[in-house]
Every structure is written in structure tokens, then in C-alpha cells.
N, C-alpha and C. Protein backbone atom coordinates (compact mmCIF):
# COMPACT_ATOMS: atom_id res chain seq x y z
N UNK A 1 0.56 -1.35 0.20
CA UNK A 1 -0.24 0.05 0.03
C UNK A 1 0.74 0.92 -0.04
N UNK A 2 0.53 2.27 -0.70
CA UNK A 2 1.66 3.41 -1.02
C UNK A 2 0.83 4.33 -0.13
N UNK A 3 1.87 4.99 0.75
CA UNK A 3 1.30 5.99 1.35
C UNK A 3 1.10 7.05 0.58
N UNK A 4 0.14 8.07 1.37
CA UNK A 4 -0.26 9.50 0.39
C UNK A 4 0.58 10.29 0.67
N UNK A 5 0.63 11.30 -0.45
CA UNK A 5 1.65 12.11 -0.41
C UNK A 5 1.00 13.44 -0.12
N UNK A 6 2.05 14.33 0.14
CA UNK A 6 1.45 15.81 0.28
C UNK A 6 1.27 16.42 -0.85
N UNK A 7 0.53 17.59 -1.04
CA UNK A 7 0.90 18.37 -2.26
C UNK A 7 2.25 18.81 -2.75
N UNK A 8 3.34 19.30 -1.27
CA UNK A 8 4.54 19.67 -1.28
C UNK A 8 5.32 18.33 -1.84
N UNK A 9 4.94 17.41 -1.49
CA UNK A 9 5.65 15.96 -2.18
C UNK A 9 5.67 15.87 -3.44
N UNK A 10 4.45 16.24 -3.80
CA UNK A 10 4.25 15.87 -5.48
C UNK A 10 5.07 16.86 -6.34
N UNK A 11 5.01 18.15 -5.66
CA UNK A 11 5.39 19.58 -6.53
C UNK A 11 6.73 19.25 -6.55
N UNK A 12 7.53 18.69 -5.53
CA UNK A 12 9.11 18.42 -5.43
C UNK A 12 9.64 16.75 -6.10
N UNK A 13 8.82 16.13 -6.49
CA UNK A 13 8.79 15.05 -6.99
C UNK A 13 9.60 15.15 -8.58
N UNK A 14 10.40 14.24 -8.92
CA UNK A 14 11.10 14.46 -10.32
C UNK A 14 9.98 14.02 -11.50
N UNK A 15 10.23 14.78 -12.53
CA UNK A 15 9.06 15.00 -13.23
C UNK A 15 9.70 14.15 -14.64
N UNK A 16 9.04 13.39 -15.38
CA UNK A 16 9.93 12.93 -16.45
C UNK A 16 9.62 13.93 -17.71
N UNK A 17 10.72 13.87 -18.17
CA UNK A 17 11.29 15.10 -19.15
C UNK A 17 10.21 14.29 -20.58
N UNK A 18 9.64 15.12 -21.24
CA UNK A 18 8.77 15.20 -22.44
C UNK A 18 9.64 15.14 -23.60
N UNK A 19 9.83 14.09 -24.41
CA UNK A 19 10.60 14.17 -25.71
C UNK A 19 9.99 14.65 -26.86
N UNK A 20 10.20 15.36 -27.46
CA UNK A 20 9.32 15.92 -28.90
C UNK A 20 10.59 15.23 -29.90
N UNK A 21 9.95 14.72 -30.69
CA UNK A 21 10.66 14.43 -32.27
C UNK A 21 10.50 15.43 -33.13
N UNK A 22 11.35 15.93 -34.20
CA UNK A 22 11.03 16.50 -34.92
C UNK A 22 11.59 15.74 -36.33
N UNK A 23 11.74 16.89 -37.31
CA UNK A 23 12.04 16.07 -38.63
C UNK A 23 13.42 15.93 -38.84
N UNK A 24 14.41 16.63 -38.12
CA UNK A 24 15.53 16.74 -38.09
C UNK A 24 16.00 15.67 -37.47
N UNK A 25 15.46 14.77 -36.52
CA UNK A 25 15.81 13.77 -35.71
C UNK A 25 16.12 12.39 -36.53
N UNK A 26 15.17 12.32 -37.70
CA UNK A 26 15.25 11.18 -38.65
C UNK A 26 15.54 11.24 -39.86
N UNK A 27 16.34 12.91 -40.29
CA UNK A 27 17.34 12.89 -41.53
C UNK A 27 18.61 13.34 -41.11
N UNK A 28 19.10 12.91 -42.57
CA UNK A 28 20.64 13.55 -42.42
C UNK A 28 20.85 15.23 -42.77
N UNK A 29 21.97 15.71 -42.49
CA UNK A 29 21.96 16.95 -42.72
C UNK A 29 22.02 17.08 -44.08
N UNK A 30 22.19 16.34 -44.92
CA UNK A 30 21.84 16.84 -46.63
C UNK A 30 20.54 16.62 -46.90
N UNK A 31 19.80 15.78 -46.25
CA UNK A 31 18.60 15.40 -46.76
C UNK A 31 17.62 16.63 -46.03
N UNK A 32 18.10 17.27 -44.61
CA UNK A 32 17.50 18.47 -44.06
C UNK A 32 17.87 19.96 -45.12
N UNK A 33 19.13 19.79 -45.46
CA UNK A 33 19.43 20.98 -46.31
C UNK A 33 18.42 20.89 -47.67
N UNK A 34 18.38 19.84 -47.96
CA UNK A 34 17.26 19.57 -49.25
C UNK A 34 15.69 19.95 -49.00
N UNK A 35 15.54 19.56 -47.84
CA UNK A 35 14.14 19.77 -47.13
C UNK A 35 13.81 21.13 -47.11
N UNK A 36 15.10 22.23 -46.74
CA UNK A 36 14.90 23.52 -46.45
C UNK A 36 14.63 24.03 -47.81
N UNK A 37 15.50 23.55 -48.97
CA UNK A 37 15.66 24.27 -50.10
C UNK A 37 13.77 23.96 -50.99
N UNK A 38 13.63 22.98 -50.73
CA UNK A 38 12.47 22.67 -51.13
C UNK A 38 11.24 23.65 -50.67
N UNK A 39 11.21 23.69 -49.17
CA UNK A 39 9.93 24.61 -48.84
C UNK A 39 10.18 25.99 -49.25
N UNK A 40 11.46 26.45 -49.35
CA UNK A 40 11.73 28.17 -49.56
C UNK A 40 11.38 27.78 -50.97
N UNK A 41 11.78 26.98 -51.95
CA UNK A 41 11.24 27.01 -53.46
C UNK A 41 9.74 26.75 -53.65
N UNK A 42 9.07 26.16 -52.56
CA UNK A 42 7.50 25.94 -52.86
C UNK A 42 6.88 27.43 -52.98
N UNK A 43 5.91 27.82 -54.08
CA UNK A 43 5.72 29.09 -54.21
C UNK A 43 4.29 28.97 -53.41
N UNK A 44 4.38 30.15 -52.78
CA UNK A 44 2.93 30.56 -51.81
C UNK A 44 1.75 30.51 -52.84
N UNK A 45 0.94 30.66 -51.87
CA UNK A 45 -0.62 30.59 -52.58
C UNK A 45 -1.08 32.11 -52.82
N UNK A 46 -1.32 32.52 -53.98
CA UNK A 46 -1.76 33.85 -54.21
C UNK A 46 -3.50 33.88 -54.37
N UNK A 47 -4.08 35.15 -53.79
CA UNK A 47 -5.23 35.11 -53.99
C UNK A 47 -5.67 35.41 -55.22
N UNK A 48 -6.69 34.96 -56.05
CA UNK A 48 -6.94 35.31 -57.26
C UNK A 48 -7.49 36.72 -57.70
N UNK A 49 -7.81 37.14 -56.65
CA UNK A 49 -8.56 38.60 -56.59
C UNK A 49 -8.86 39.32 -55.07
N UNK A 50 -8.44 40.39 -55.08
CA UNK A 50 -8.42 41.49 -54.26
C UNK A 50 -10.00 42.26 -53.59
N UNK A 51 -9.93 43.19 -52.51
CA UNK A 51 -10.99 43.71 -52.12
C UNK A 51 -11.58 44.86 -53.59
N UNK A 52 -10.37 45.36 -54.24
CA UNK A 52 -10.72 46.54 -55.31
C UNK A 52 -11.08 45.67 -56.13
N UNK A 53 -10.80 44.57 -56.62
CA UNK A 53 -11.54 43.43 -57.73
C UNK A 53 -13.04 43.43 -57.46
N UNK A 54 -13.18 42.95 -56.11
CA UNK A 54 -14.58 42.70 -55.84
C UNK A 54 -15.37 43.72 -56.01
N UNK A 55 -14.62 45.16 -55.31
CA UNK A 55 -15.63 46.54 -55.70
C UNK A 55 -15.90 46.49 -56.69
N UNK A 56 -15.06 46.62 -57.79
CA UNK A 56 -15.27 46.87 -59.09
C UNK A 56 -15.91 45.81 -59.76
N UNK A 57 -16.08 44.71 -59.65
CA UNK A 57 -16.96 43.57 -60.26
C UNK A 57 -18.56 43.92 -59.44
N UNK A 58 -18.55 44.43 -58.29
CA UNK A 58 -20.26 45.04 -57.91
C UNK A 58 -20.56 45.99 -58.67
N UNK A 59 -19.74 47.05 -58.84
CA UNK A 59 -20.37 47.95 -59.52
C UNK A 59 -20.52 47.64 -61.00
N UNK A 60 -19.78 46.97 -61.55
CA UNK A 60 -20.28 46.95 -62.85
C UNK A 60 -21.23 46.01 -62.98
N UNK A 61 -21.82 44.99 -62.06
CA UNK A 61 -22.70 44.16 -62.00
C UNK A 61 -23.89 44.76 -61.60
N UNK A 62 -23.92 45.67 -60.88
CA UNK A 62 -24.97 46.27 -60.19
C UNK A 62 -25.49 47.40 -61.06
N UNK A 63 -24.85 48.49 -61.47
CA UNK A 63 -24.92 49.50 -61.92
C UNK A 63 -24.51 49.66 -63.86
N UNK A 64 -23.69 48.82 -64.10
CA UNK A 64 -23.08 48.57 -65.41
C UNK A 64 -21.94 49.24 -65.75
N UNK A 65 -21.05 49.03 -66.77
CA UNK A 65 -19.64 49.25 -67.32
C UNK A 65 -19.67 50.75 -66.97
N UNK A 66 -20.63 51.31 -67.49
CA UNK A 66 -20.45 53.24 -68.09
C UNK A 66 -20.18 53.82 -66.81
N UNK A 67 -20.97 53.24 -65.44
CA UNK A 67 -21.39 53.74 -64.21
C UNK A 67 -19.78 53.56 -63.64
N UNK A 68 -19.14 52.43 -63.98
CA UNK A 68 -17.55 51.97 -63.44
C UNK A 68 -16.67 53.13 -64.27
N UNK A 69 -16.84 53.12 -65.44
CA UNK A 69 -16.20 54.09 -66.21
C UNK A 69 -15.68 55.70 -65.42
N UNK A 70 -17.29 55.77 -65.02
CA UNK A 70 -17.46 57.47 -64.68
C UNK A 70 -16.79 57.58 -63.36
N UNK A 71 -17.13 56.53 -62.45
CA UNK A 71 -16.58 56.25 -61.21
C UNK A 71 -14.95 56.49 -61.13
N UNK A 72 -14.57 55.57 -61.94
CA UNK A 72 -13.37 55.54 -61.82
C UNK A 72 -12.37 56.73 -62.67
N UNK A 73 -13.30 57.35 -63.29
CA UNK A 73 -12.44 58.69 -63.96
C UNK A 73 -12.95 60.01 -63.11
N UNK A 74 -13.75 59.74 -61.57
CA UNK A 74 -13.60 60.81 -60.86
C UNK A 74 -15.08 61.47 -60.95
N UNK A 75 -15.75 61.46 -61.88
CA UNK A 75 -17.29 62.18 -62.20
C UNK A 75 -18.08 61.66 -61.22
N UNK A 76 -17.65 60.55 -60.59
CA UNK A 76 -18.73 59.86 -59.90
C UNK A 76 -18.40 60.09 -58.29
N UNK A 77 -18.80 60.46 -56.86
CA UNK A 77 -18.22 60.17 -55.97
C UNK A 77 -17.97 59.24 -55.47
N UNK A 78 -17.03 58.74 -54.62
CA UNK A 78 -16.73 57.35 -54.01
C UNK A 78 -17.78 57.44 -52.73
N UNK A 79 -18.32 58.08 -52.11
CA UNK A 79 -19.12 58.05 -50.98
C UNK A 79 -20.39 57.58 -51.27
N UNK A 80 -20.66 58.72 -52.54
CA UNK A 80 -22.48 58.40 -53.06
C UNK A 80 -22.32 57.25 -53.52
N UNK A 81 -21.56 56.70 -54.24
CA UNK A 81 -21.82 55.07 -54.80
C UNK A 81 -21.44 54.33 -53.88
N UNK A 82 -20.90 54.11 -52.80
CA UNK A 82 -20.83 53.55 -51.89
C UNK A 82 -22.22 53.25 -51.11
N UNK A 83 -22.85 54.61 -50.90
CA UNK A 83 -24.08 54.44 -50.52
C UNK A 83 -25.14 53.77 -51.58
N UNK A 84 -25.21 53.88 -52.76
CA UNK A 84 -26.05 53.23 -53.66
C UNK A 84 -25.41 51.84 -53.70
N UNK A 85 -24.08 51.25 -53.38
CA UNK A 85 -24.28 50.02 -53.44
C UNK A 85 -24.78 49.25 -52.04
N UNK A 86 -24.55 50.13 -50.78
CA UNK A 86 -24.96 49.51 -49.68
C UNK A 86 -26.71 49.70 -49.68
N UNK A 87 -27.41 50.70 -50.43
CA UNK A 87 -28.60 50.39 -50.67
C UNK A 87 -29.28 48.93 -51.32
N UNK A 88 -28.54 48.95 -52.47
CA UNK A 88 -28.64 47.80 -53.35
C UNK A 88 -28.69 46.49 -52.45
N UNK A 89 -27.51 46.47 -51.69
CA UNK A 89 -27.56 45.48 -51.07
C UNK A 89 -28.43 45.16 -49.85
N UNK A 90 -29.23 46.59 -49.28
CA UNK A 90 -30.20 46.31 -48.72
C UNK A 90 -31.45 45.53 -49.22
N UNK A 91 -31.40 46.08 -50.58
CA UNK A 91 -32.77 45.48 -51.21
C UNK A 91 -32.41 44.18 -51.52
N UNK A 92 -31.08 43.53 -51.96
CA UNK A 92 -31.25 42.38 -51.96
C UNK A 92 -31.68 41.58 -50.85
N UNK A 93 -31.29 42.13 -49.67
CA UNK A 93 -31.39 41.44 -48.59
C UNK A 93 -32.96 41.32 -48.16
N UNK A 94 -33.74 42.54 -48.51
CA UNK A 94 -35.38 42.29 -48.66
C UNK A 94 -36.08 41.04 -49.44
N UNK A 95 -35.30 41.29 -50.46
CA UNK A 95 -35.97 40.38 -51.06
C UNK A 95 -35.64 38.77 -50.98
N UNK A 96 -34.68 38.31 -50.15
CA UNK A 96 -34.56 37.16 -49.44
C UNK A 96 -35.35 37.03 -48.19
N UNK A 97 -35.34 38.25 -47.54
CA UNK A 97 -35.86 38.09 -45.93
C UNK A 97 -37.51 37.31 -46.24
N UNK A 98 -38.24 37.69 -47.02
CA UNK A 98 -39.39 37.02 -47.15
C UNK A 98 -39.58 35.33 -47.47
N UNK A 99 -38.63 34.87 -48.40
CA UNK A 99 -38.27 33.42 -48.94
C UNK A 99 -37.53 32.79 -47.41
N UNK A 100 -36.40 33.52 -46.41
CA UNK A 100 -36.16 33.03 -45.50
C UNK A 100 -37.15 33.09 -44.33
N UNK A 101 -38.11 34.02 -44.35
CA UNK A 101 -38.99 33.49 -43.46
C UNK A 101 -40.17 32.45 -43.84
N UNK A 102 -40.30 32.31 -45.27
CA UNK A 102 -41.11 30.81 -45.10
C UNK A 102 -40.24 30.05 -44.95
N UNK A 103 -39.49 29.84 -45.26
CA UNK A 103 -38.15 28.31 -44.97
C UNK A 103 -38.49 28.27 -43.32
N UNK A 104 -38.06 29.36 -42.94
CA UNK A 104 -38.18 29.27 -41.32
C UNK A 104 -39.59 28.80 -40.77
N UNK A 105 -40.59 29.37 -41.49
CA UNK A 105 -41.86 29.25 -40.89
C UNK A 105 -42.27 27.60 -41.08
N UNK A 106 -41.50 26.80 -42.28
CA UNK A 106 -42.22 25.73 -42.69
C UNK A 106 -41.47 24.72 -41.94
N UNK A 107 -40.06 25.22 -41.58
CA UNK A 107 -39.34 24.48 -40.45
C UNK A 107 -39.70 24.30 -39.36
N UNK A 108 -40.16 25.52 -38.58
CA UNK A 108 -40.63 25.43 -37.32
C UNK A 108 -42.12 24.77 -37.26
N UNK A 109 -42.72 24.63 -38.37
CA UNK A 109 -43.76 23.87 -38.43
C UNK A 109 -44.07 22.39 -38.73
N UNK A 110 -42.69 21.82 -38.72
CA UNK A 110 -42.45 20.83 -38.74
C UNK A 110 -42.36 20.30 -37.16
N UNK A 111 -41.64 20.95 -36.58
CA UNK A 111 -41.16 20.84 -35.08
C UNK A 111 -42.28 21.38 -34.19
N UNK A 112 -43.33 22.04 -34.58
CA UNK A 112 -44.26 22.44 -33.16
C UNK A 112 -45.18 21.41 -33.24
N UNK A 113 -45.76 21.66 -32.10
CA UNK A 113 -46.94 20.77 -31.67
C UNK A 113 -48.36 21.36 -32.33
N UNK A 114 -48.56 22.37 -32.91
CA UNK A 114 -49.68 23.02 -33.47
C UNK A 114 -48.94 23.61 -34.59
N UNK A 115 -48.77 22.52 -35.82
CA UNK A 115 -48.08 23.38 -37.10
C UNK A 115 -48.92 24.32 -38.01
N UNK A 116 -50.05 24.27 -37.77
CA UNK A 116 -50.97 25.01 -38.52
C UNK A 116 -50.59 26.31 -38.71
N UNK A 117 -50.62 27.04 -37.43
CA UNK A 117 -50.22 28.73 -37.25
C UNK A 117 -48.93 29.02 -37.90
N UNK A 118 -48.01 27.82 -38.11
CA UNK A 118 -46.68 28.35 -38.70
C UNK A 118 -46.90 28.20 -40.36
N UNK A 119 -47.62 27.40 -40.65
CA UNK A 119 -48.35 27.14 -41.92
C UNK A 119 -48.77 28.62 -42.47
N UNK A 120 -49.68 28.54 -41.44
CA UNK A 120 -50.59 30.26 -42.02
C UNK A 120 -49.64 31.27 -41.90
N UNK A 121 -48.47 31.28 -41.18
CA UNK A 121 -47.65 32.35 -41.43
C UNK A 121 -46.98 32.24 -42.73
N UNK A 122 -46.52 31.39 -42.93
CA UNK A 122 -46.01 31.06 -44.05
C UNK A 122 -46.76 31.47 -45.65
N UNK A 123 -48.07 30.79 -45.52
CA UNK A 123 -48.93 31.44 -46.48
C UNK A 123 -49.10 32.77 -46.50
N UNK A 124 -49.17 33.41 -45.57
CA UNK A 124 -49.57 34.87 -45.53
C UNK A 124 -48.54 35.78 -45.90
N UNK A 125 -46.86 35.14 -46.02
CA UNK A 125 -45.84 36.21 -46.40
C UNK A 125 -45.99 35.54 -47.91
N UNK A 126 -46.02 34.60 -48.48
CA UNK A 126 -46.23 34.16 -49.94
C UNK A 126 -47.04 34.84 -50.47
N UNK A 127 -48.70 35.22 -50.04
CA UNK A 127 -49.57 36.23 -50.49
C UNK A 127 -48.91 37.47 -50.36
N UNK A 128 -48.14 38.03 -49.39
CA UNK A 128 -47.39 39.31 -49.52
C UNK A 128 -46.37 39.57 -50.59
N UNK A 129 -45.46 38.55 -50.83
CA UNK A 129 -44.63 38.45 -52.03
C UNK A 129 -45.51 38.73 -53.44
N UNK A 130 -46.57 37.73 -53.67
CA UNK A 130 -47.47 37.83 -54.82
C UNK A 130 -47.75 38.69 -54.83
N UNK A 131 -48.50 39.38 -54.07
CA UNK A 131 -49.01 41.25 -54.51
C UNK A 131 -47.93 42.08 -55.08
N UNK A 132 -46.75 41.98 -54.18
CA UNK A 132 -45.74 42.67 -54.55
C UNK A 132 -45.32 42.56 -55.94
N UNK A 133 -45.33 41.27 -56.16
CA UNK A 133 -44.71 41.16 -57.41
C UNK A 133 -45.95 41.48 -58.60
N UNK A 134 -47.04 41.31 -58.32
CA UNK A 134 -48.06 41.73 -58.92
C UNK A 134 -48.17 43.06 -59.52
N UNK A 135 -47.41 43.95 -58.55
CA UNK A 135 -47.24 45.24 -58.19
C UNK A 135 -48.63 46.20 -57.67
N UNK A 136 -48.94 45.09 -56.64
CA UNK A 136 -50.18 45.75 -56.12
C UNK A 136 -49.65 46.09 -54.73
N UNK A 137 -48.88 46.44 -54.42
CA UNK A 137 -48.09 46.86 -53.31
C UNK A 137 -48.12 46.18 -51.90
């Protein structure tokens, strides 16, 4: 039977050293040098486009190439165009909200004890979308 140790005795007891192995433990110096040159010669991944490219593509997609050319020439202020881009993004989000609401209502209906209420809500959202699409406001 072991004698119980105090916390102080445990803190003072010798600990095993943890040994970490690396690649250099298993390779010769020549192989290690070859590995280092191969790592440095490997090309780094480049991004295919940056934020400016994304902004340019969005301006062209939403407003057309003529607006992009005028903005790039300085005829259109950057702040104004940024506000218009944000407004367009908000319009896109509004268009998706009703669809997301219908999906949410149908999923919650499948988990609800009384699914008819959620189904009616989804039907109401769809009716509103149909009115808007028909120009009834």
C-alpha cells in the first residue's frame, strides 16, 4: 500500500522529461538541407482577386460598365457610390427575407406541436410576396 503524498511532496518529485521528435531527428544533414530548399522554393498561394477587384465587379454587375468608367474617372463620388451599393445590398436582403421567413416558418411547423399556425404564417408571407410581384404593393 502506498503512503499518501502531500501536495508539497508531489511538487518536489522528479518529473519525466517529455521528448518531442522533429523531422531533423530522422534526416541526415544533406536531406535536411534539401528539405529546407524545397520548402523555400515552393510558391506561396496567391489570392485570385482582392477587395478592389470585388468592388469593381460589384459596381459593374449592379450599375453597368458605364457607371464604373465614370466612377473610375472621378465623375462620380466614391461616398455616393458606396451609399448606392449599400442600398442595393439592402434591397437584395429584403428580397431574401420573405423567402427566409417562409423557410423558417415551414421548418418550425415541422417541429411545432401546432403546425397550422406556422403554415398559415408562411402562406401569409407568400401572399404578400405575390401582391408585391403583381404590382399591388
